[in-house]
Structure formats: C-alpha cells, structure tokens
C-alpha cells in the first residue's frame, strides 16, 4: 500500500522538510520574508487505532512545539467527532 502526503508549494517559498515517520505525515518549515512557520500535513487511515494514532500524533506535536515556531496542522484525521458522546476512542 502506497502511503503519501503531498504538499503543493509556490516557488517563492523556501522550505525545509522535517523528517517524521511515526504516522503518515509531512512537516515543512517554510520561510518567507524572514518569517518561519511549520506546516504539517497529516493522514490517519480509517482503520488505524484512534488511541494509538492520538498518542503518536501528540508525540509529534510535542516535538514540533518544543521549537517555539508557529505551526499550522491540516489533514484527514478520519475521526467522526459526532460520535464523541458514545464512542470512547474519540475522547
């Protein structure tokens, strides 16, 4: 199975790929006009255990946040938040 996260970038941006392989994700450190922002693209397969994913994702966020650089995270988490009240894995 091919696992890929793709990011489209403008040529006017400078990017550094931050290697992360624990979950399907891609972290980019983008510099524009001297400002640095980290962007994360995340994908959770619908069959991936939610508590396991949440734990690994939290570890990734802790690593990123320790850098004290603004961060934007987007992706497809495949978690139905409408089931929060009756599905304990979404807590």
PDB file of N, CA and C in Angstrom:
ATOM      1  N   UNK A   1       0.840  -1.166   0.000  1.00  0.00           N
ATOM      2  CA  UNK A   1       0.000   0.000   0.000  1.00  0.00           C
ATOM      3  C   UNK A   1       0.893   1.239   0.000  1.00  0.00           C
ATOM      4  N   UNK A   2       0.641   2.148  -0.918  1.00  0.00           N
ATOM      5  CA  UNK A   2       1.390   3.388  -1.019  1.00  0.00           C
ATOM      6  C   UNK A   2       0.834   4.395  -0.023  1.00  0.00           C
ATOM      7  N   UNK A   3       1.686   4.968   0.801  1.00  0.00           N
ATOM      8  CA  UNK A   3       1.278   5.966   1.783  1.00  0.00           C
ATOM      9  C   UNK A   3       1.985   7.264   1.445  1.00  0.00           C
ATOM     10  N   UNK A   4       1.206   8.296   1.151  1.00  0.00           N
ATOM     11  CA  UNK A   4       1.805   9.529   0.691  1.00  0.00           C
ATOM     12  C   UNK A   4       1.064  10.727   1.250  1.00  0.00           C
ATOM     13  N   UNK A   5       1.812  11.748   1.625  1.00  0.00           N
ATOM     14  CA  UNK A   5       1.267  13.062   1.942  1.00  0.00           C
ATOM     15  C   UNK A   5       1.933  14.011   0.954  1.00  0.00           C
ATOM     16  N   UNK A   6       1.122  14.787   0.242  1.00  0.00           N
ATOM     17  CA  UNK A   6       1.640  15.676  -0.800  1.00  0.00           C
ATOM     18  C   UNK A   6       1.334  17.118  -0.426  1.00  0.00           C
ATOM     19  N   UNK A   7       2.289  17.997  -0.692  1.00  0.00           N
ATOM     20  CA  UNK A   7       2.115  19.425  -0.444  1.00  0.00           C
ATOM     21  C   UNK A   7       2.484  20.177  -1.712  1.00  0.00           C
ATOM     22  N   UNK A   8       1.631  21.110  -2.119  1.00  0.00           N
ATOM     23  CA  UNK A   8       1.926  21.972  -3.258  1.00  0.00           C
ATOM     24  C   UNK A   8       2.462  23.288  -2.710  1.00  0.00           C
ATOM     25  N   UNK A   9       3.594  23.741  -3.256  1.00  0.00           N
ATOM     26  CA  UNK A   9       4.222  24.972  -2.776  1.00  0.00           C
ATOM     27  C   UNK A   9       4.532  25.914  -3.919  1.00  0.00           C
ATOM     28  N   UNK A  10       4.492  27.195  -3.613  1.00  0.00           N
ATOM     29  CA  UNK A  10       4.899  28.217  -4.561  1.00  0.00           C
ATOM     30  C   UNK A  10       6.420  28.265  -4.612  1.00  0.00           C
ATOM     31  N   UNK A  11       6.960  28.619  -5.761  1.00  0.00           N
ATOM     32  CA  UNK A  11       8.413  28.703  -5.906  1.00  0.00           C
ATOM     33  C   UNK A  11       9.022  29.855  -5.110  1.00  0.00           C
ATOM     34  N   UNK A  12       8.192  30.803  -4.656  1.00  0.00           N
ATOM     35  CA  UNK A  12       8.754  31.934  -3.909  1.00  0.00           C
ATOM     36  C   UNK A  12       9.000  31.596  -2.443  1.00  0.00           C
ATOM     37  N   UNK A  13       8.629  30.403  -2.038  1.00  0.00           N
ATOM     38  CA  UNK A  13       8.822  29.989  -0.652  1.00  0.00           C
ATOM     39  C   UNK A  13      10.076  29.143  -0.512  1.00  0.00           C
ATOM     40  N   UNK A  14      10.674  29.225   0.647  1.00  0.00           N
ATOM     41  CA  UNK A  14      11.813  28.377   0.975  1.00  0.00           C
ATOM     42  C   UNK A  14      11.328  27.333   1.975  1.00  0.00           C
ATOM     43  N   UNK A  15      11.627  26.061   1.718  1.00  0.00           N
ATOM     44  CA  UNK A  15      11.106  25.008   2.589  1.00  0.00           C
ATOM     45  C   UNK A  15      12.198  24.045   3.010  1.00  0.00           C
ATOM     46  N   UNK A  16      12.051  23.547   4.225  1.00  0.00           N
ATOM     47  CA  UNK A  16      12.911  22.514   4.764  1.00  0.00           C
ATOM     48  C   UNK A  16      11.996  21.381   5.216  1.00  0.00           C
ATOM     49  N   UNK A  17      12.203  20.180   4.694  1.00  0.00           N
ATOM     50  CA  UNK A  17      11.380  19.032   5.086  1.00  0.00           C
ATOM     51  C   UNK A  17      11.908  18.488   6.404  1.00  0.00           C
ATOM     52  N   UNK A  18      11.017  18.393   7.384  1.00  0.00           N
ATOM     53  CA  UNK A  18      11.372  17.840   8.696  1.00  0.00           C
ATOM     54  C   UNK A  18      10.943  16.380   8.699  1.00  0.00           C
ATOM     55  N   UNK A  19      11.879  15.480   8.869  1.00  0.00           N
ATOM     56  CA  UNK A  19      11.601  14.046   8.759  1.00  0.00           C
ATOM     57  C   UNK A  19      10.804  13.547   9.956  1.00  0.00           C
ATOM     58  N   UNK A  20       9.643  12.991   9.663  1.00  0.00           N
ATOM     59  CA  UNK A  20       8.791  12.371  10.678  1.00  0.00           C
ATOM     60  C   UNK A  20       8.181  11.138  10.035  1.00  0.00           C
ATOM     61  N   UNK A  21       8.309   9.986  10.659  1.00  0.00           N
ATOM     62  CA  UNK A  21       7.798   8.763  10.039  1.00  0.00           C
ATOM     63  C   UNK A  21       6.928   7.923  10.966  1.00  0.00           C
ATOM     64  N   UNK A  22       6.581   8.425  12.118  1.00  0.00           N
ATOM     65  CA  UNK A  22       5.813   7.644  13.084  1.00  0.00           C
ATOM     66  C   UNK A  22       4.375   7.431  12.596  1.00  0.00           C
ATOM     67  N   UNK A  23       3.761   8.477  12.065  1.00  0.00           N
ATOM     68  CA  UNK A  23       2.439   8.392  11.469  1.00  0.00           C
ATOM     69  C   UNK A  23       2.545   8.982  10.072  1.00  0.00           C
ATOM     70  N   UNK A  24       1.508   8.788   9.243  1.00  0.00           N
ATOM     71  CA  UNK A  24       1.562   9.341   7.893  1.00  0.00           C
ATOM     72  C   UNK A  24       1.453  10.857   7.984  1.00  0.00           C
ATOM     73  N   UNK A  25       2.580  11.526   7.778  1.00  0.00           N
ATOM     74  CA  UNK A  25       2.599  12.973   7.911  1.00  0.00           C
ATOM     75  C   UNK A  25       3.778  13.570   7.178  1.00  0.00           C
ATOM     76  N   UNK A  26       3.695  14.863   6.961  1.00  0.00           N
ATOM     77  CA  UNK A  26       4.784  15.611   6.358  1.00  0.00           C
ATOM     78  C   UNK A  26       4.830  16.956   7.052  1.00  0.00           C
ATOM     79  N   UNK A  27       6.000  17.307   7.561  1.00  0.00           N
ATOM     80  CA  UNK A  27       6.193  18.583   8.237  1.00  0.00           C
ATOM     81  C   UNK A  27       7.165  19.413   7.407  1.00  0.00           C
ATOM     82  N   UNK A  28       6.760  20.633   7.101  1.00  0.00           N
ATOM     83  CA  UNK A  28       7.605  21.547   6.338  1.00  0.00           C
ATOM     84  C   UNK A  28       7.852  22.809   7.149  1.00  0.00           C
ATOM     85  N   UNK A  29       9.086  23.247   7.156  1.00  0.00           N
ATOM     86  CA  UNK A  29       9.431  24.529   7.764  1.00  0.00           C
ATOM     87  C   UNK A  29       9.550  25.520   6.608  1.00  0.00           C
ATOM     88  N   UNK A  30       8.597  26.438   6.529  1.00  0.00           N
ATOM     89  CA  UNK A  30       8.534  27.388   5.421  1.00  0.00           C
ATOM     90  C   UNK A  30       9.044  28.749   5.892  1.00  0.00           C
ATOM     91  N   UNK A  31       9.927  29.332   5.101  1.00  0.00           N
ATOM     92  CA  UNK A  31      10.444  30.667   5.389  1.00  0.00           C
ATOM     93  C   UNK A  31      10.022  31.605   4.268  1.00  0.00           C
ATOM     94  N   UNK A  32       9.400  32.709   4.637  1.00  0.00           N
ATOM     95  CA  UNK A  32       9.018  33.727   3.662  1.00  0.00           C
ATOM     96  C   UNK A  32       9.208  35.087   4.298  1.00  0.00           C
ATOM     97  N   UNK A  33       9.987  35.924   3.651  1.00  0.00           N
ATOM     98  CA  UNK A  33      10.285  37.265   4.137  1.00  0.00           C
ATOM     99  C   UNK A  33      10.841  37.226   5.558  1.00  0.00           C
ATOM    100  N   UNK A  34      11.639  36.216   5.846  1.00  0.00           N
ATOM    101  CA  UNK A  34      12.284  36.102   7.149  1.00  0.00           C
ATOM    102  C   UNK A  34      11.416  35.496   8.239  1.00  0.00           C
ATOM    103  N   UNK A  35      10.149  35.204   7.941  1.00  0.00           N
ATOM    104  CA  UNK A  35       9.246  34.601   8.917  1.00  0.00           C
ATOM    105  C   UNK A  35       9.206  33.092   8.701  1.00  0.00           C
ATOM    106  N   UNK A  36       9.298  32.338   9.784  1.00  0.00           N
ATOM    107  CA  UNK A  36       9.287  30.877   9.716  1.00  0.00           C
ATOM    108  C   UNK A  36       7.978  30.349  10.295  1.00  0.00           C
ATOM    109  N   UNK A  37       7.359  29.425   9.575  1.00  0.00           N
ATOM    110  CA  UNK A  37       6.152  28.737  10.044  1.00  0.00           C
ATOM    111  C   UNK A  37       6.314  27.261   9.696  1.00  0.00           C
ATOM    112  N   UNK A  38       5.912  26.387  10.601  1.00  0.00           N
ATOM    113  CA  UNK A  38       5.926  24.954  10.330  1.00  0.00           C
ATOM    114  C   UNK A  38       4.513  24.536   9.930  1.00  0.00           C
ATOM    115  N   UNK A  39       4.421  23.817   8.807  1.00  0.00           N
ATOM    116  CA  UNK A  39       3.144  23.310   8.315  1.00  0.00           C
ATOM    117  C   UNK A  39       3.186  21.791   8.371  1.00  0.00           C
ATOM    118  N   UNK A  40       2.129  21.204   8.915  1.00  0.00           N
ATOM    119  CA  UNK A  40       2.046  19.746   8.989  1.00  0.00           C
ATOM    120  C   UNK A  40       0.867  19.226   8.204  1.00  0.00           C
ATOM    121  N   UNK A  41       1.113  18.224   7.377  1.00  0.00           N
ATOM    122  CA  UNK A  41       0.058  17.514   6.662  1.00  0.00           C
ATOM    123  C   UNK A  41      -0.062  16.126   7.258  1.00  0.00           C
ATOM    124  N   UNK A  42      -1.260  15.774   7.736  1.00  0.00           N
ATOM    125  CA  UNK A  42      -1.460  14.532   8.485  1.00  0.00           C
ATOM    126  C   UNK A  42      -2.533  13.682   7.807  1.00  0.00           C
ATOM    127  N   UNK A  43      -2.342  12.372   7.824  1.00  0.00           N
ATOM    128  CA  UNK A  43      -3.371  11.449   7.358  1.00  0.00           C
ATOM    129  C   UNK A  43      -3.457  10.275   8.322  1.00  0.00           C
ATOM    130  N   UNK A  44      -4.679   9.976   8.754  1.00  0.00           N
ATOM    131  CA  UNK A  44      -4.928   8.774   9.565  1.00  0.00           C
ATOM    132  C   UNK A  44      -5.829   7.861   8.757  1.00  0.00           C
ATOM    133  N   UNK A  45      -5.351   6.668   8.486  1.00  0.00           N
ATOM    134  CA  UNK A  45      -6.149   5.687   7.764  1.00  0.00           C
ATOM    135  C   UNK A  45      -7.379   5.360   8.611  1.00  0.00           C
ATOM    136  N   UNK A  46      -8.543   5.215   7.992  1.00  0.00           N
ATOM    137  CA  UNK A  46      -9.763   4.944   8.765  1.00  0.00           C
ATOM    138  C   UNK A  46      -9.677   3.714   9.675  1.00  0.00           C
ATOM    139  N   UNK A  47      -8.851   2.739   9.341  1.00  0.00           N
ATOM    140  CA  UNK A  47      -8.738   1.534  10.171  1.00  0.00           C
ATOM    141  C   UNK A  47      -7.648   1.611  11.228  1.00  0.00           C
ATOM    142  N   UNK A  48      -6.906   2.719  11.272  1.00  0.00           N
ATOM    143  CA  UNK A  48      -5.840   2.866  12.256  1.00  0.00           C
ATOM    144  C   UNK A  48      -6.472   3.110  13.632  1.00  0.00           C
ATOM    145  N   UNK A  49      -5.981   2.427  14.628  1.00  0.00           N
ATOM    146  CA  UNK A  49      -6.453   2.549  16.005  1.00  0.00           C
ATOM    147  C   UNK A  49      -6.375   4.011  16.450  1.00  0.00           C
ATOM    148  N   UNK A  50      -7.514   4.574  16.885  1.00  0.00           N
ATOM    149  CA  UNK A  50      -7.563   6.002  17.242  1.00  0.00           C
ATOM    150  C   UNK A  50      -6.678   6.336  18.442  1.00  0.00           C
ATOM    151  N   UNK A  51      -6.756   5.596  19.569  1.00  0.00           N
ATOM    152  CA  UNK A  51      -5.882   5.930  20.701  1.00  0.00           C
ATOM    153  C   UNK A  51      -4.392   5.836  20.345  1.00  0.00           C
ATOM    154  N   UNK A  52      -4.007   4.844  19.548  1.00  0.00           N
ATOM    155  CA  UNK A  52      -2.611   4.714  19.112  1.00  0.00           C
ATOM    156  C   UNK A  52      -2.204   5.912  18.260  1.00  0.00           C
ATOM    157  N   UNK A  53      -3.059   6.282  17.308  1.00  0.00           N
ATOM    158  CA  UNK A  53      -2.785   7.438  16.467  1.00  0.00           C
ATOM    159  C   UNK A  53      -2.671   8.707  17.311  1.00  0.00           C
ATOM    160  N   UNK A  54      -3.616   8.898  18.238  1.00  0.00           N
ATOM    161  CA  UNK A  54      -3.622  10.106  19.070  1.00  0.00           C
ATOM    162  C   UNK A  54      -2.347  10.211  19.895  1.00  0.00           C
ATOM    163  N   UNK A  55      -1.890   9.091  20.432  1.00  0.00           N
ATOM    164  CA  UNK A  55      -0.660   9.086  21.222  1.00  0.00           C
ATOM    165  C   UNK A  55       0.552   9.470  20.369  1.00  0.00           C
ATOM    166  N   UNK A  56       0.658   8.869  19.190  1.00  0.00           N
ATOM    167  CA  UNK A  56       1.785   9.178  18.301  1.00  0.00           C
ATOM    168  C   UNK A  56       1.710  10.605  17.773  1.00  0.00           C
ATOM    169  N   UNK A  57       0.501  11.060  17.473  1.00  0.00           N
ATOM    170  CA  UNK A  57       0.316  12.427  16.995  1.00  0.00           C
ATOM    171  C   UNK A  57       0.694  13.432  18.082  1.00  0.00           C
ATOM    172  N   UNK A  58       0.315  13.138  19.315  1.00  0.00           N
ATOM    173  CA  UNK A  58       0.683  14.011  20.430  1.00  0.00           C
ATOM    174  C   UNK A  58       2.204  14.087  20.586  1.00  0.00           C
ATOM    175  N   UNK A  59       2.885  12.952  20.436  1.00  0.00           N
ATOM    176  CA  UNK A  59       4.352  12.951  20.499  1.00  0.00           C
ATOM    177  C   UNK A  59       4.942  13.851  19.422  1.00  0.00           C
ATOM    178  N   UNK A  60       4.388  13.759  18.202  1.00  0.00           N
ATOM    179  CA  UNK A  60       4.867  14.605  17.095  1.00  0.00           C
ATOM    180  C   UNK A  60       4.641  16.077  17.409  1.00  0.00           C
ATOM    181  N   UNK A  61       3.454  16.404  17.932  1.00  0.00           N
ATOM    182  CA  UNK A  61       3.154  17.798  18.264  1.00  0.00           C
ATOM    183  C   UNK A  61       4.080  18.322  19.361  1.00  0.00           C
ATOM    184  N   UNK A  62       4.412  17.481  20.316  1.00  0.00           N
ATOM    185  CA  UNK A  62       5.338  17.904  21.378  1.00  0.00           C
ATOM    186  C   UNK A  62       6.717  18.220  20.808  1.00  0.00           C
ATOM    187  N   UNK A  63       7.183  17.406  19.854  1.00  0.00           N
ATOM    188  CA  UNK A  63       8.475  17.676  19.224  1.00  0.00           C
ATOM    189  C   UNK A  63       8.443  18.994  18.466  1.00  0.00           C
ATOM    190  N   UNK A  64       7.364  19.213  17.728  1.00  0.00           N
ATOM    191  CA  UNK A  64       7.236  20.441  16.942  1.00  0.00           C
ATOM    192  C   UNK A  64       7.101  21.657  17.852  1.00  0.00           C
ATOM    193  N   UNK A  65       6.259  21.565  18.881  1.00  0.00           N
ATOM    194  CA  UNK A  65       6.027  22.720  19.751  1.00  0.00           C
ATOM    195  C   UNK A  65       7.259  23.107  20.557  1.00  0.00           C
ATOM    196  N   UNK A  66       8.163  22.166  20.795  1.00  0.00           N
ATOM    197  CA  UNK A  66       9.382  22.479  21.543  1.00  0.00           C
ATOM    198  C   UNK A  66      10.274  23.454  20.769  1.00  0.00           C
ATOM    199  N   UNK A  67      10.035  23.593  19.468  1.00  0.00           N
ATOM    200  CA  UNK A  67      10.833  24.512  18.644  1.00  0.00           C
ATOM    201  C   UNK A  67      10.367  25.952  18.763  1.00  0.00           C
ATOM    202  N   UNK A  68       9.200  26.158  19.359  1.00  0.00           N
ATOM    203  CA  UNK A  68       8.672  27.513  19.585  1.00  0.00           C
ATOM    204  C   UNK A  68       8.535  28.309  18.285  1.00  0.00           C
ATOM    205  N   UNK A  69       8.052  27.636  17.233  1.00  0.00           N
ATOM    206  CA  UNK A  69       7.813  28.266  15.938  1.00  0.00           C
ATOM    207  C   UNK A  69       6.326  28.096  15.644  1.00  0.00           C
ATOM    208  N   UNK A  70       5.649  29.132  15.129  1.00  0.00           N
ATOM    209  CA  UNK A  70       4.231  28.970  14.788  1.00  0.00           C
ATOM    210  C   UNK A  70       4.017  27.747  13.896  1.00  0.00           C
ATOM    211  N   UNK A  71       2.894  27.056  14.111  1.00  0.00           N
ATOM    212  CA  UNK A  71       2.637  25.798  13.411  1.00  0.00           C
ATOM    213  C   UNK A  71       1.184  25.739  12.943  1.00  0.00           C
ATOM    214  N   UNK A  72       0.997  25.249  11.730  1.00  0.00           N
ATOM    215  CA  UNK A  72      -0.336  25.026  11.168  1.00  0.00           C
ATOM    216  C   UNK A  72      -0.430  23.543  10.834  1.00  0.00           C
ATOM    217  N   UNK A  73      -1.496  22.899  11.303  1.00  0.00           N
ATOM    218  CA  UNK A  73      -1.687  21.471  11.054  1.00  0.00           C
ATOM    219  C   UNK A  73      -3.001  21.280  10.306  1.00  0.00           C
ATOM    220  N   UNK A  74      -2.951  20.508   9.241  1.00  0.00           N
ATOM    221  CA  UNK A  74      -4.152  20.199   8.464  1.00  0.00           C
ATOM    222  C   UNK A  74      -4.054  18.756   8.003  1.00  0.00           C
ATOM    223  N   UNK A  75      -5.181  18.178   7.687  1.00  0.00           N
ATOM    224  CA  UNK A  75      -5.135  16.823   7.175  1.00  0.00           C
ATOM    225  C   UNK A  75      -6.466  16.125   7.240  1.00  0.00           C
ATOM    226  N   UNK A  76      -6.424  14.845   6.999  1.00  0.00           N
ATOM    227  CA  UNK A  76      -7.592  13.984   7.039  1.00  0.00           C
ATOM    228  C   UNK A  76      -7.388  13.016   8.197  1.00  0.00           C
ATOM    229  N   UNK A  77      -8.063  13.303   9.311  1.00  0.00           N
ATOM    230  CA  UNK A  77      -7.879  12.514  10.522  1.00  0.00           C
ATOM    231  C   UNK A  77      -8.834  11.319  10.584  1.00  0.00           C
ATOM    232  N   UNK A  78      -9.855  11.309   9.740  1.00  0.00           N
ATOM    233  CA  UNK A  78     -10.816  10.202   9.698  1.00  0.00           C
ATOM    234  C   UNK A  78     -11.329   9.827  11.082  1.00  0.00           C
ATOM    235  N   UNK A  79     -11.725  10.830  11.851  1.00  0.00           N
ATOM    236  CA  UNK A  79     -12.321  10.613  13.168  1.00  0.00           C
ATOM    237  C   UNK A  79     -13.673  11.316  13.166  1.00  0.00           C
ATOM    238  N   UNK A  80     -14.735  10.573  13.423  1.00  0.00           N
ATOM    239  CA  UNK A  80     -16.086  11.124  13.417  1.00  0.00           C
ATOM    240  C   UNK A  80     -16.361  11.771  14.772  1.00  0.00           C
ATOM    241  N   UNK A  81     -16.210  13.081  14.842  1.00  0.00           N
ATOM    242  CA  UNK A  81     -16.401  13.791  16.110  1.00  0.00           C
ATOM    243  C   UNK A  81     -17.869  13.844  16.537  1.00  0.00           C
ATOM    244  N   UNK A  82     -18.787  13.516  15.630  1.00  0.00           N
ATOM    245  CA  UNK A  82     -20.201  13.451  16.010  1.00  0.00           C
ATOM    246  C   UNK A  82     -20.480  12.260  16.916  1.00  0.00           C
ATOM    247  N   UNK A  83     -19.545  11.293  16.966  1.00  0.00           N
ATOM    248  CA  UNK A  83     -19.700  10.121  17.830  1.00  0.00           C
ATOM    249  C   UNK A  83     -19.004  10.305  19.184  1.00  0.00           C
ATOM    250  N   UNK A  84     -18.593  11.509  19.478  1.00  0.00           N
ATOM    251  CA  UNK A  84     -17.849  11.791  20.711  1.00  0.00           C
ATOM    252  C   UNK A  84     -18.557  11.290  21.964  1.00  0.00           C
ATOM    253  N   UNK A  85     -19.872  11.479  22.032  1.00  0.00           N
ATOM    254  CA  UNK A  85     -20.626  11.116  23.243  1.00  0.00           C
ATOM    255  C   UNK A  85     -20.739   9.607  23.458  1.00  0.00           C
ATOM    256  N   UNK A  86     -20.700   8.817  22.387  1.00  0.00           N
ATOM    257  CA  UNK A  86     -20.926   7.385  22.564  1.00  0.00           C
ATOM    258  C   UNK A  86     -19.826   6.501  22.008  1.00  0.00           C
ATOM    259  N   UNK A  87     -18.680   7.069  21.646  1.00  0.00           N
ATOM    260  CA  UNK A  87     -17.564   6.278  21.130  1.00  0.00           C
ATOM    261  C   UNK A  87     -16.317   6.707  21.893  1.00  0.00           C
ATOM    262  N   UNK A  88     -15.902   5.906  22.858  1.00  0.00           N
ATOM    263  CA  UNK A  88     -14.815   6.297  23.769  1.00  0.00           C
ATOM    264  C   UNK A  88     -13.490   6.552  23.071  1.00  0.00           C
ATOM    265  N   UNK A  89     -13.253   5.930  21.930  1.00  0.00           N
ATOM    266  CA  UNK A  89     -11.969   6.122  21.240  1.00  0.00           C
ATOM    267  C   UNK A  89     -11.811   7.552  20.730  1.00  0.00           C
ATOM    268  N   UNK A  90     -12.929   8.272  20.524  1.00  0.00           N
ATOM    269  CA  UNK A  90     -12.823   9.659  20.041  1.00  0.00           C
ATOM    270  C   UNK A  90     -12.581  10.661  21.164  1.00  0.00           C
ATOM    271  N   UNK A  91     -12.576  10.205  22.391  1.00  0.00           N
ATOM    272  CA  UNK A  91     -12.322  11.126  23.512  1.00  0.00           C
ATOM    273  C   UNK A  91     -10.877  11.470  23.484  1.00  0.00           C
TER     274      UNK A  91
END
